[in-house]
């Protein structure tokens, strides 16, 4: 994998991680609900596929930013639920600050070109 592709993949993973952490601020949820909340809150612009979501959930759990447990879902099925940890809450704060700085920087560059 080239350096450019790796950097792009890390940016996408980091963005998905941040979106998952933000979604779990609302409370514990299972994977399907996490994906639907991201889709709904983005007005269907962002659609998280299972092939991306579950590796992200595993990665976040490995880092200690989320924890999981088994419970019965609203349709009476056994489901794995994920919840934000204190460490995950701190990470979300850092990621949100970094994201805000990046968005402002991109905005400055875009405005400079338009003027």
PDB file of N, CA and C in Angstrom:
ATOM      1  N   UNK A   1       0.852  -1.177   0.000  1.00  0.00           N
ATOM      2  CA  UNK A   1       0.000   0.000   0.000  1.00  0.00           C
ATOM      3  C   UNK A   1       0.894   1.236   0.000  1.00  0.00           C
ATOM      4  N   UNK A   2       0.579   2.175  -0.863  1.00  0.00           N
ATOM      5  CA  UNK A   2       1.383   3.389  -0.948  1.00  0.00           C
ATOM      6  C   UNK A   2       1.115   4.277   0.261  1.00  0.00           C
ATOM      7  N   UNK A   3       2.040   5.194   0.488  1.00  0.00           N
ATOM      8  CA  UNK A   3       1.898   6.126   1.602  1.00  0.00           C
ATOM      9  C   UNK A   3       0.622   6.950   1.457  1.00  0.00           C
ATOM     10  N   UNK A   4       0.315   7.371   0.236  1.00  0.00           N
ATOM     11  CA  UNK A   4      -0.877   8.172  -0.020  1.00  0.00           C
ATOM     12  C   UNK A   4      -2.149   7.380   0.305  1.00  0.00           C
ATOM     13  N   UNK A   5      -2.202   6.111  -0.141  1.00  0.00           N
ATOM     14  CA  UNK A   5      -3.370   5.279   0.147  1.00  0.00           C
ATOM     15  C   UNK A   5      -3.503   5.018   1.639  1.00  0.00           C
ATOM     16  N   UNK A   6      -2.378   4.784   2.301  1.00  0.00           N
ATOM     17  CA  UNK A   6      -2.404   4.520   3.736  1.00  0.00           C
ATOM     18  C   UNK A   6      -2.925   5.741   4.490  1.00  0.00           C
ATOM     19  N   UNK A   7      -2.468   6.930   4.097  1.00  0.00           N
ATOM     20  CA  UNK A   7      -2.925   8.159   4.754  1.00  0.00           C
ATOM     21  C   UNK A   7      -4.426   8.357   4.548  1.00  0.00           C
ATOM     22  N   UNK A   8      -4.912   8.088   3.341  1.00  0.00           N
ATOM     23  CA  UNK A   8      -6.340   8.221   3.060  1.00  0.00           C
ATOM     24  C   UNK A   8      -7.139   7.215   3.877  1.00  0.00           C
ATOM     25  N   UNK A   9      -6.642   5.984   3.978  1.00  0.00           N
ATOM     26  CA  UNK A   9      -7.334   4.957   4.757  1.00  0.00           C
ATOM     27  C   UNK A   9      -7.375   5.335   6.237  1.00  0.00           C
ATOM     28  N   UNK A  10      -6.278   5.858   6.768  1.00  0.00           N
ATOM     29  CA  UNK A  10      -6.233   6.267   8.168  1.00  0.00           C
ATOM     30  C   UNK A  10      -7.207   7.409   8.434  1.00  0.00           C
ATOM     31  N   UNK A  11      -7.314   8.352   7.486  1.00  0.00           N
ATOM     32  CA  UNK A  11      -8.259   9.463   7.637  1.00  0.00           C
ATOM     33  C   UNK A  11      -9.689   8.931   7.682  1.00  0.00           C
ATOM     34  N   UNK A  12     -10.016   8.012   6.765  1.00  0.00           N
ATOM     35  CA  UNK A  12     -11.367   7.444   6.752  1.00  0.00           C
ATOM     36  C   UNK A  12     -11.645   6.650   8.012  1.00  0.00           C
ATOM     37  N   UNK A  13     -10.678   5.839   8.462  1.00  0.00           N
ATOM     38  CA  UNK A  13     -10.862   5.075   9.694  1.00  0.00           C
ATOM     39  C   UNK A  13     -11.048   6.005  10.882  1.00  0.00           C
ATOM     40  N   UNK A  14     -10.224   7.038  10.959  1.00  0.00           N
ATOM     41  CA  UNK A  14     -10.322   7.991  12.055  1.00  0.00           C
ATOM     42  C   UNK A  14     -11.658   8.707  12.069  1.00  0.00           C
ATOM     43  N   UNK A  15     -12.167   9.028  10.885  1.00  0.00           N
ATOM     44  CA  UNK A  15     -13.464   9.691  10.789  1.00  0.00           C
ATOM     45  C   UNK A  15     -14.577   8.745  11.226  1.00  0.00           C
ATOM     46  N   UNK A  16     -14.532   7.501  10.777  1.00  0.00           N
ATOM     47  CA  UNK A  16     -15.537   6.526  11.188  1.00  0.00           C
ATOM     48  C   UNK A  16     -15.471   6.291  12.697  1.00  0.00           C
ATOM     49  N   UNK A  17     -14.263   6.179  13.226  1.00  0.00           N
ATOM     50  CA  UNK A  17     -14.107   6.001  14.675  1.00  0.00           C
ATOM     51  C   UNK A  17     -14.772   7.144  15.431  1.00  0.00           C
ATOM     52  N   UNK A  18     -14.529   8.371  14.972  1.00  0.00           N
ATOM     53  CA  UNK A  18     -15.096   9.542  15.623  1.00  0.00           C
ATOM     54  C   UNK A  18     -16.627   9.515  15.545  1.00  0.00           C
ATOM     55  N   UNK A  19     -17.177   9.126  14.398  1.00  0.00           N
ATOM     56  CA  UNK A  19     -18.628   9.066  14.240  1.00  0.00           C
ATOM     57  C   UNK A  19     -19.243   8.004  15.144  1.00  0.00           C
ATOM     58  N   UNK A  20     -18.576   6.870  15.284  1.00  0.00           N
ATOM     59  CA  UNK A  20     -19.074   5.809  16.169  1.00  0.00           C
ATOM     60  C   UNK A  20     -19.045   6.285  17.622  1.00  0.00           C
ATOM     61  N   UNK A  21     -17.927   6.886  18.026  1.00  0.00           N
ATOM     62  CA  UNK A  21     -17.828   7.387  19.398  1.00  0.00           C
ATOM     63  C   UNK A  21     -18.910   8.432  19.670  1.00  0.00           C
ATOM     64  N   UNK A  22     -19.113   9.319  18.729  1.00  0.00           N
ATOM     65  CA  UNK A  22     -20.133  10.366  18.876  1.00  0.00           C
ATOM     66  C   UNK A  22     -21.522   9.739  19.000  1.00  0.00           C
ATOM     67  N   UNK A  23     -21.794   8.730  18.197  1.00  0.00           N
ATOM     68  CA  UNK A  23     -23.090   8.052  18.248  1.00  0.00           C
ATOM     69  C   UNK A  23     -23.298   7.397  19.612  1.00  0.00           C
ATOM     70  N   UNK A  24     -22.248   6.810  20.150  1.00  0.00           N
ATOM     71  CA  UNK A  24     -22.370   6.129  21.445  1.00  0.00           C
ATOM     72  C   UNK A  24     -22.474   7.103  22.615  1.00  0.00           C
ATOM     73  N   UNK A  25     -22.246   8.390  22.380  1.00  0.00           N
ATOM     74  CA  UNK A  25     -22.498   9.390  23.433  1.00  0.00           C
ATOM     75  C   UNK A  25     -23.973   9.396  23.804  1.00  0.00           C
ATOM     76  N   UNK A  26     -24.826   9.011  22.857  1.00  0.00           N
ATOM     77  CA  UNK A  26     -26.269   8.974  23.100  1.00  0.00           C
ATOM     78  C   UNK A  26     -26.659   7.841  24.037  1.00  0.00           C
ATOM     79  N   UNK A  27     -25.778   6.848  24.165  1.00  0.00           N
ATOM     80  CA  UNK A  27     -26.048   5.696  25.015  1.00  0.00           C
ATOM     81  C   UNK A  27     -25.657   4.416  24.300  1.00  0.00           C
ATOM     82  N   UNK A  28     -25.697   3.291  25.010  1.00  0.00           N
ATOM     83  CA  UNK A  28     -25.318   2.013  24.412  1.00  0.00           C
ATOM     84  C   UNK A  28     -26.187   1.683  23.194  1.00  0.00           C
ATOM     85  N   UNK A  29     -25.588   0.996  22.225  1.00  0.00           N
ATOM     86  CA  UNK A  29     -26.325   0.618  21.011  1.00  0.00           C
ATOM     87  C   UNK A  29     -25.656  -0.593  20.377  1.00  0.00           C
ATOM     88  N   UNK A  30     -26.425  -1.315  19.599  1.00  0.00           N
ATOM     89  CA  UNK A  30     -25.832  -2.423  18.847  1.00  0.00           C
ATOM     90  C   UNK A  30     -25.434  -1.912  17.459  1.00  0.00           C
ATOM     91  N   UNK A  31     -24.697  -2.715  16.736  1.00  0.00           N
ATOM     92  CA  UNK A  31     -24.113  -2.280  15.467  1.00  0.00           C
ATOM     93  C   UNK A  31     -25.117  -1.723  14.483  1.00  0.00           C
ATOM     94  N   UNK A  32     -26.238  -2.404  14.303  1.00  0.00           N
ATOM     95  CA  UNK A  32     -27.241  -1.946  13.349  1.00  0.00           C
ATOM     96  C   UNK A  32     -27.727  -0.540  13.707  1.00  0.00           C
ATOM     97  N   UNK A  33     -27.985  -0.308  14.988  1.00  0.00           N
ATOM     98  CA  UNK A  33     -28.451   1.005  15.428  1.00  0.00           C
ATOM     99  C   UNK A  33     -27.392   2.072  15.199  1.00  0.00           C
ATOM    100  N   UNK A  34     -26.131   1.757  15.472  1.00  0.00           N
ATOM    101  CA  UNK A  34     -25.047   2.718  15.246  1.00  0.00           C
ATOM    102  C   UNK A  34     -25.026   3.141  13.781  1.00  0.00           C
ATOM    103  N   UNK A  35     -25.084   2.166  12.877  1.00  0.00           N
ATOM    104  CA  UNK A  35     -25.066   2.470  11.443  1.00  0.00           C
ATOM    105  C   UNK A  35     -26.267   3.321  11.042  1.00  0.00           C
ATOM    106  N   UNK A  36     -27.451   2.988  11.561  1.00  0.00           N
ATOM    107  CA  UNK A  36     -28.666   3.740  11.209  1.00  0.00           C
ATOM    108  C   UNK A  36     -28.617   5.174  11.747  1.00  0.00           C
ATOM    109  N   UNK A  37     -28.114   5.349  12.957  1.00  0.00           N
ATOM    110  CA  UNK A  37     -28.034   6.701  13.522  1.00  0.00           C
ATOM    111  C   UNK A  37     -27.099   7.570  12.679  1.00  0.00           C
ATOM    112  N   UNK A  38     -25.956   7.021  12.301  1.00  0.00           N
ATOM    113  CA  UNK A  38     -25.018   7.782  11.458  1.00  0.00           C
ATOM    114  C   UNK A  38     -25.691   8.147  10.144  1.00  0.00           C
ATOM    115  N   UNK A  39     -26.385   7.198   9.556  1.00  0.00           N
ATOM    116  CA  UNK A  39     -27.075   7.457   8.284  1.00  0.00           C
ATOM    117  C   UNK A  39     -28.153   8.529   8.459  1.00  0.00           C
ATOM    118  N   UNK A  40     -28.972   8.387   9.486  1.00  0.00           N
ATOM    119  CA  UNK A  40     -30.065   9.343   9.707  1.00  0.00           C
ATOM    120  C   UNK A  40     -29.555  10.741  10.028  1.00  0.00           C
ATOM    121  N   UNK A  41     -28.551  10.825  10.905  1.00  0.00           N
ATOM    122  CA  UNK A  41     -28.059  12.144  11.310  1.00  0.00           C
ATOM    123  C   UNK A  41     -27.306  12.840  10.181  1.00  0.00           C
ATOM    124  N   UNK A  42     -26.852  12.079   9.177  1.00  0.00           N
ATOM    125  CA  UNK A  42     -26.155  12.681   8.036  1.00  0.00           C
ATOM    126  C   UNK A  42     -27.101  12.880   6.853  1.00  0.00           C
ATOM    127  N   UNK A  43     -28.400  12.752   7.076  1.00  0.00           N
ATOM    128  CA  UNK A  43     -29.399  12.835   6.003  1.00  0.00           C
ATOM    129  C   UNK A  43     -29.089  11.868   4.867  1.00  0.00           C
ATOM    130  N   UNK A  44     -28.671  10.659   5.236  1.00  0.00           N
ATOM    131  CA  UNK A  44     -28.381   9.547   4.322  1.00  0.00           C
ATOM    132  C   UNK A  44     -27.166   9.792   3.429  1.00  0.00           C
ATOM    133  N   UNK A  45     -26.365  10.792   3.746  1.00  0.00           N
ATOM    134  CA  UNK A  45     -25.133  11.020   2.981  1.00  0.00           C
ATOM    135  C   UNK A  45     -24.089   9.971   3.360  1.00  0.00           C
ATOM    136  N   UNK A  46     -24.029   9.636   4.646  1.00  0.00           N
ATOM    137  CA  UNK A  46     -23.069   8.645   5.134  1.00  0.00           C
ATOM    138  C   UNK A  46     -23.791   7.334   5.396  1.00  0.00           C
ATOM    139  N   UNK A  47     -23.322   6.291   4.743  1.00  0.00           N
ATOM    140  CA  UNK A  47     -23.896   4.961   4.942  1.00  0.00           C
ATOM    141  C   UNK A  47     -22.761   4.021   5.305  1.00  0.00           C
ATOM    142  N   UNK A  48     -22.803   3.514   6.516  1.00  0.00           N
ATOM    143  CA  UNK A  48     -21.727   2.668   7.033  1.00  0.00           C
ATOM    144  C   UNK A  48     -22.078   1.213   6.775  1.00  0.00           C
ATOM    145  N   UNK A  49     -21.246   0.550   6.009  1.00  0.00           N
ATOM    146  CA  UNK A  49     -21.453  -0.863   5.702  1.00  0.00           C
ATOM    147  C   UNK A  49     -20.921  -1.726   6.847  1.00  0.00           C
ATOM    148  N   UNK A  50     -21.477  -2.919   6.991  1.00  0.00           N
ATOM    149  CA  UNK A  50     -21.032  -3.838   8.043  1.00  0.00           C
ATOM    150  C   UNK A  50     -19.551  -4.146   7.919  1.00  0.00           C
ATOM    151  N   UNK A  51     -19.055  -4.234   6.691  1.00  0.00           N
ATOM    152  CA  UNK A  51     -17.648  -4.548   6.455  1.00  0.00           C
ATOM    153  C   UNK A  51     -16.707  -3.472   6.968  1.00  0.00           C
ATOM    154  N   UNK A  52     -17.212  -2.280   7.200  1.00  0.00           N
ATOM    155  CA  UNK A  52     -16.426  -1.190   7.782  1.00  0.00           C
ATOM    156  C   UNK A  52     -16.743  -1.013   9.263  1.00  0.00           C
ATOM    157  N   UNK A  53     -18.016  -1.169   9.605  1.00  0.00           N
ATOM    158  CA  UNK A  53     -18.449  -0.897  10.973  1.00  0.00           C
ATOM    159  C   UNK A  53     -17.859  -1.874  11.981  1.00  0.00           C
ATOM    160  N   UNK A  54     -17.959  -3.165  11.724  1.00  0.00           N
ATOM    161  CA  UNK A  54     -17.528  -4.134  12.735  1.00  0.00           C
ATOM    162  C   UNK A  54     -16.017  -4.139  12.957  1.00  0.00           C
ATOM    163  N   UNK A  55     -15.198  -3.967  11.918  1.00  0.00           N
ATOM    164  CA  UNK A  55     -13.760  -3.792  12.198  1.00  0.00           C
ATOM    165  C   UNK A  55     -13.491  -2.534  13.035  1.00  0.00           C
ATOM    166  N   UNK A  56     -14.261  -1.464  12.791  1.00  0.00           N
ATOM    167  CA  UNK A  56     -14.097  -0.238  13.574  1.00  0.00           C
ATOM    168  C   UNK A  56     -14.486  -0.488  15.027  1.00  0.00           C
ATOM    169  N   UNK A  57     -15.584  -1.188  15.254  1.00  0.00           N
ATOM    170  CA  UNK A  57     -16.006  -1.492  16.622  1.00  0.00           C
ATOM    171  C   UNK A  57     -14.957  -2.344  17.338  1.00  0.00           C
ATOM    172  N   UNK A  58     -14.411  -3.327  16.637  1.00  0.00           N
ATOM    173  CA  UNK A  58     -13.346  -4.152  17.231  1.00  0.00           C
ATOM    174  C   UNK A  58     -12.120  -3.314  17.554  1.00  0.00           C
ATOM    175  N   UNK A  59     -11.740  -2.418  16.641  1.00  0.00           N
ATOM    176  CA  UNK A  59     -10.579  -1.545  16.836  1.00  0.00           C
ATOM    177  C   UNK A  59     -10.794  -0.633  18.053  1.00  0.00           C
ATOM    178  N   UNK A  60     -11.979  -0.051  18.159  1.00  0.00           N
ATOM    179  CA  UNK A  60     -12.283   0.846  19.278  1.00  0.00           C
ATOM    180  C   UNK A  60     -12.295   0.094  20.601  1.00  0.00           C
ATOM    181  N   UNK A  61     -12.805  -1.130  20.574  1.00  0.00           N
ATOM    182  CA  UNK A  61     -12.828  -1.929  21.795  1.00  0.00           C
ATOM    183  C   UNK A  61     -11.402  -2.326  22.195  1.00  0.00           C
ATOM    184  N   UNK A  62     -10.581  -2.703  21.214  1.00  0.00           N
ATOM    185  CA  UNK A  62      -9.181  -3.046  21.493  1.00  0.00           C
ATOM    186  C   UNK A  62      -8.428  -1.875  22.117  1.00  0.00           C
ATOM    187  N   UNK A  63      -8.784  -0.659  21.726  1.00  0.00           N
ATOM    188  CA  UNK A  63      -8.132   0.542  22.262  1.00  0.00           C
ATOM    189  C   UNK A  63      -8.709   0.969  23.611  1.00  0.00           C
ATOM    190  N   UNK A  64      -9.784   0.313  24.038  1.00  0.00           N
ATOM    191  CA  UNK A  64     -10.391   0.638  25.328  1.00  0.00           C
ATOM    192  C   UNK A  64     -11.319   1.835  25.278  1.00  0.00           C
ATOM    193  N   UNK A  65     -11.699   2.278  24.082  1.00  0.00           N
ATOM    194  CA  UNK A  65     -12.557   3.446  23.949  1.00  0.00           C
ATOM    195  C   UNK A  65     -14.032   3.091  24.025  1.00  0.00           C
ATOM    196  N   UNK A  66     -14.353   1.821  23.768  1.00  0.00           N
ATOM    197  CA  UNK A  66     -15.709   1.330  23.944  1.00  0.00           C
ATOM    198  C   UNK A  66     -15.625  -0.033  24.636  1.00  0.00           C
ATOM    199  N   UNK A  67     -16.728  -0.446  25.211  1.00  0.00           N
ATOM    200  CA  UNK A  67     -16.838  -1.781  25.815  1.00  0.00           C
ATOM    201  C   UNK A  67     -18.100  -2.414  25.242  1.00  0.00           C
ATOM    202  N   UNK A  68     -18.151  -3.732  25.240  1.00  0.00           N
ATOM    203  CA  UNK A  68     -19.335  -4.407  24.697  1.00  0.00           C
ATOM    204  C   UNK A  68     -19.891  -5.408  25.696  1.00  0.00           C
ATOM    205  N   UNK A  69     -21.154  -5.732  25.497  1.00  0.00           N
ATOM    206  CA  UNK A  69     -21.821  -6.733  26.310  1.00  0.00           C
ATOM    207  C   UNK A  69     -22.986  -7.293  25.500  1.00  0.00           C
ATOM    208  N   UNK A  70     -23.434  -8.478  25.854  1.00  0.00           N
ATOM    209  CA  UNK A  70     -24.550  -9.118  25.175  1.00  0.00           C
ATOM    210  C   UNK A  70     -25.850  -8.819  25.927  1.00  0.00           C
ATOM    211  N   UNK A  71     -26.912  -8.558  25.160  1.00  0.00           N
ATOM    212  CA  UNK A  71     -28.228  -8.310  25.737  1.00  0.00           C
ATOM    213  C   UNK A  71     -29.291  -8.652  24.694  1.00  0.00           C
ATOM    214  N   UNK A  72     -30.538  -8.582  25.100  1.00  0.00           N
ATOM    215  CA  UNK A  72     -31.643  -8.846  24.185  1.00  0.00           C
ATOM    216  C   UNK A  72     -32.057  -7.538  23.518  1.00  0.00           C
ATOM    217  N   UNK A  73     -32.164  -7.566  22.195  1.00  0.00           N
ATOM    218  CA  UNK A  73     -32.531  -6.365  21.439  1.00  0.00           C
ATOM    219  C   UNK A  73     -34.032  -6.104  21.532  1.00  0.00           C
ATOM    220  N   UNK A  74     -34.455  -4.987  20.948  1.00  0.00           N
ATOM    221  CA  UNK A  74     -35.869  -4.610  20.971  1.00  0.00           C
ATOM    222  C   UNK A  74     -36.749  -5.614  20.224  1.00  0.00           C
ATOM    223  N   UNK A  75     -36.170  -6.408  19.290  1.00  0.00           N
ATOM    224  CA  UNK A  75     -36.974  -7.442  18.626  1.00  0.00           C
ATOM    225  C   UNK A  75     -36.672  -8.843  19.188  1.00  0.00           C
ATOM    226  N   UNK A  76     -36.323  -8.868  20.459  1.00  0.00           N
ATOM    227  CA  UNK A  76     -36.145 -10.108  21.214  1.00  0.00           C
ATOM    228  C   UNK A  76     -35.032 -11.014  20.689  1.00  0.00           C
ATOM    229  N   UNK A  77     -34.016 -10.424  20.118  1.00  0.00           N
ATOM    230  CA  UNK A  77     -32.866 -11.195  19.639  1.00  0.00           C
ATOM    231  C   UNK A  77     -31.656 -10.855  20.481  1.00  0.00           C
ATOM    232  N   UNK A  78     -30.785 -11.819  20.599  1.00  0.00           N
ATOM    233  CA  UNK A  78     -29.530 -11.589  21.315  1.00  0.00           C
ATOM    234  C   UNK A  78     -28.637 -10.713  20.437  1.00  0.00           C
ATOM    235  N   UNK A  79     -28.130  -9.619  20.994  1.00  0.00           N
ATOM    236  CA  UNK A  79     -27.309  -8.689  20.227  1.00  0.00           C
ATOM    237  C   UNK A  79     -26.161  -8.184  21.095  1.00  0.00           C
ATOM    238  N   UNK A  80     -25.085  -7.840  20.449  1.00  0.00           N
ATOM    239  CA  UNK A  80     -23.937  -7.264  21.146  1.00  0.00           C
ATOM    240  C   UNK A  80     -24.102  -5.749  21.164  1.00  0.00           C
ATOM    241  N   UNK A  81     -24.094  -5.201  22.349  1.00  0.00           N
ATOM    242  CA  UNK A  81     -24.231  -3.756  22.532  1.00  0.00           C
ATOM    243  C   UNK A  81     -22.874  -3.159  22.847  1.00  0.00           C
ATOM    244  N   UNK A  82     -22.702  -1.924  22.429  1.00  0.00           N
ATOM    245  CA  UNK A  82     -21.445  -1.211  22.648  1.00  0.00           C
ATOM    246  C   UNK A  82     -21.740   0.053  23.446  1.00  0.00           C
ATOM    247  N   UNK A  83     -20.818   0.393  24.338  1.00  0.00           N
ATOM    248  CA  UNK A  83     -20.988   1.628  25.113  1.00  0.00           C
ATOM    249  C   UNK A  83     -19.650   2.354  25.184  1.00  0.00           C
ATOM    250  N   UNK A  84     -19.737   3.649  25.314  1.00  0.00           N
ATOM    251  CA  UNK A  84     -18.572   4.522  25.401  1.00  0.00           C
ATOM    252  C   UNK A  84     -17.940   4.401  26.782  1.00  0.00           C
ATOM    253  N   UNK A  85     -16.612   4.302  26.829  1.00  0.00           N
ATOM    254  CA  UNK A  85     -15.904   4.283  28.111  1.00  0.00           C
ATOM    255  C   UNK A  85     -15.417   5.698  28.430  1.00  0.00           C
ATOM    256  N   UNK A  86     -14.921   5.896  29.638  1.00  0.00           N
ATOM    257  CA  UNK A  86     -14.360   7.207  30.017  1.00  0.00           C
ATOM    258  C   UNK A  86     -13.201   7.557  29.093  1.00  0.00           C
ATOM    259  N   UNK A  87     -12.380   6.576  28.766  1.00  0.00           N
ATOM    260  CA  UNK A  87     -11.256   6.788  27.848  1.00  0.00           C
ATOM    261  C   UNK A  87     -11.773   7.173  26.459  1.00  0.00           C
ATOM    262  N   UNK A  88     -12.858   6.548  26.040  1.00  0.00           N
ATOM    263  CA  UNK A  88     -13.461   6.866  24.748  1.00  0.00           C
ATOM    264  C   UNK A  88     -14.033   8.271  24.720  1.00  0.00           C
ATOM    265  N   UNK A  89     -14.588   8.692  25.839  1.00  0.00           N
ATOM    266  CA  UNK A  89     -15.121  10.058  25.934  1.00  0.00           C
ATOM    267  C   UNK A  89     -13.987  11.090  25.787  1.00  0.00           C
ATOM    268  N   UNK A  90     -12.849  10.811  26.437  1.00  0.00           N
ATOM    269  CA  UNK A  90     -11.683  11.707  26.306  1.00  0.00           C
ATOM    270  C   UNK A  90     -11.172  11.710  24.863  1.00  0.00           C
ATOM    271  N   UNK A  91     -11.125  10.527  24.256  1.00  0.00           N
ATOM    272  CA  UNK A  91     -10.661  10.427  22.868  1.00  0.00           C
ATOM    273  C   UNK A  91     -11.587  11.197  21.931  1.00  0.00           C
ATOM    274  N   UNK A  92     -12.879  11.094  22.160  1.00  0.00           N
ATOM    275  CA  UNK A  92     -13.842  11.819  21.335  1.00  0.00           C
ATOM    276  C   UNK A  92     -13.626  13.320  21.446  1.00  0.00           C
ATOM    277  N   UNK A  93     -13.345  13.810  22.636  1.00  0.00           N
ATOM    278  CA  UNK A  93     -13.069  15.239  22.820  1.00  0.00           C
ATOM    279  C   UNK A  93     -11.850  15.648  22.008  1.00  0.00           C
ATOM    280  N   UNK A  94     -10.786  14.846  22.057  1.00  0.00           N
ATOM    281  CA  UNK A  94      -9.575  15.141  21.281  1.00  0.00           C
ATOM    282  C   UNK A  94      -9.861  15.109  19.784  1.00  0.00           C
ATOM    283  N   UNK A  95     -10.551  14.070  19.339  1.00  0.00           N
ATOM    284  CA  UNK A  95     -10.856  13.927  17.909  1.00  0.00           C
ATOM    285  C   UNK A  95     -11.742  15.058  17.412  1.00  0.00           C
ATOM    286  N   UNK A  96     -12.710  15.460  18.231  1.00  0.00           N
ATOM    287  CA  UNK A  96     -13.601  16.554  17.848  1.00  0.00           C
ATOM    288  C   UNK A  96     -12.813  17.848  17.691  1.00  0.00           C
ATOM    289  N   UNK A  97     -11.893  18.123  18.596  1.00  0.00           N
ATOM    290  CA  UNK A  97     -11.057  19.326  18.497  1.00  0.00           C
ATOM    291  C   UNK A  97     -10.203  19.281  17.238  1.00  0.00           C
ATOM    292  N   UNK A  98      -9.609  18.130  16.981  1.00  0.00           N
ATOM    293  CA  UNK A  98      -8.770  17.968  15.779  1.00  0.00           C
ATOM    294  C   UNK A  98      -9.607  18.161  14.518  1.00  0.00           C
ATOM    295  N   UNK A  99     -10.812  17.572  14.511  1.00  0.00           N
ATOM    296  CA  UNK A  99     -11.702  17.695  13.367  1.00  0.00           C
ATOM    297  C   UNK A  99     -12.095  19.159  13.144  1.00  0.00           C
ATOM    298  N   UNK A 100     -12.445  19.856  14.211  1.00  0.00           N
ATOM    299  CA  UNK A 100     -12.826  21.268  14.096  1.00  0.00           C
ATOM    300  C   UNK A 100     -11.683  22.098  13.514  1.00  0.00           C
ATOM    301  N   UNK A 101     -10.453  21.829  13.988  1.00  0.00           N
ATOM    302  CA  UNK A 101      -9.291  22.561  13.441  1.00  0.00           C
ATOM    303  C   UNK A 101      -9.116  22.280  11.953  1.00  0.00           C
ATOM    304  N   UNK A 102      -9.282  21.015  11.558  1.00  0.00           N
ATOM    305  CA  UNK A 102      -9.112  20.648  10.157  1.00  0.00           C
ATOM    306  C   UNK A 102     -10.177  21.304   9.283  1.00  0.00           C
ATOM    307  N   UNK A 103     -11.421  21.285   9.725  1.00  0.00           N
ATOM    308  CA  UNK A 103     -12.510  21.891   8.960  1.00  0.00           C
ATOM    309  C   UNK A 103     -12.277  23.393   8.796  1.00  0.00           C
ATOM    310  N   UNK A 104     -11.844  24.060   9.870  1.00  0.00           N
ATOM    311  CA  UNK A 104     -11.564  25.500   9.780  1.00  0.00           C
ATOM    312  C   UNK A 104     -10.418  25.763   8.812  1.00  0.00           C
ATOM    313  N   UNK A 105      -9.371  24.934   8.854  1.00  0.00           N
ATOM    314  CA  UNK A 105      -8.222  25.111   7.964  1.00  0.00           C
ATOM    315  C   UNK A 105      -8.632  24.909   6.505  1.00  0.00           C
ATOM    316  N   UNK A 106      -9.412  23.889   6.243  1.00  0.00           N
ATOM    317  CA  UNK A 106      -9.875  23.650   4.868  1.00  0.00           C
ATOM    318  C   UNK A 106     -10.755  24.806   4.410  1.00  0.00           C
ATOM    319  N   UNK A 107     -11.607  25.297   5.294  1.00  0.00           N
ATOM    320  CA  UNK A 107     -12.449  26.445   4.967  1.00  0.00           C
ATOM    321  C   UNK A 107     -11.621  27.669   4.603  1.00  0.00           C
ATOM    322  N   UNK A 108     -10.548  27.902   5.339  1.00  0.00           N
ATOM    323  CA  UNK A 108      -9.685  29.049   5.021  1.00  0.00           C
ATOM    324  C   UNK A 108      -9.052  28.894   3.655  1.00  0.00           C
ATOM    325  N   UNK A 109      -8.601  27.703   3.338  1.00  0.00           N
ATOM    326  CA  UNK A 109      -7.989  27.460   2.026  1.00  0.00           C
ATOM    327  C   UNK A 109      -9.020  27.641   0.926  1.00  0.00           C
ATOM    328  N   UNK A 110     -10.206  27.121   1.095  1.00  0.00           N
ATOM    329  CA  UNK A 110     -11.249  27.217   0.083  1.00  0.00           C
ATOM    330  C   UNK A 110     -11.687  28.665  -0.118  1.00  0.00           C
ATOM    331  N   UNK A 111     -11.806  29.428   0.949  1.00  0.00           N
ATOM    332  CA  UNK A 111     -12.189  30.843   0.817  1.00  0.00           C
ATOM    333  C   UNK A 111     -11.102  31.630   0.098  1.00  0.00           C
ATOM    334  N   UNK A 112      -9.865  31.315   0.371  1.00  0.00           N
ATOM    335  CA  UNK A 112      -8.761  32.034  -0.269  1.00  0.00           C
ATOM    336  C   UNK A 112      -8.767  31.819  -1.767  1.00  0.00           C
ATOM    337  N   UNK A 113      -9.137  30.628  -2.217  1.00  0.00           N
ATOM    338  CA  UNK A 113      -9.181  30.332  -3.648  1.00  0.00           C
ATOM    339  C   UNK A 113     -10.349  31.046  -4.301  1.00  0.00           C
ATOM    340  N   UNK A 114     -11.481  31.112  -3.619  1.00  0.00           N
ATOM    341  CA  UNK A 114     -12.685  31.729  -4.175  1.00  0.00           C
ATOM    342  C   UNK A 114     -12.559  33.247  -4.288  1.00  0.00           C
ATOM    343  N   UNK A 115     -11.753  33.852  -3.447  1.00  0.00           N
ATOM    344  CA  UNK A 115     -11.650  35.328  -3.443  1.00  0.00           C
ATOM    345  C   UNK A 115     -10.758  35.822  -4.493  1.00  0.00           C
TER     346      UNK A 115
END
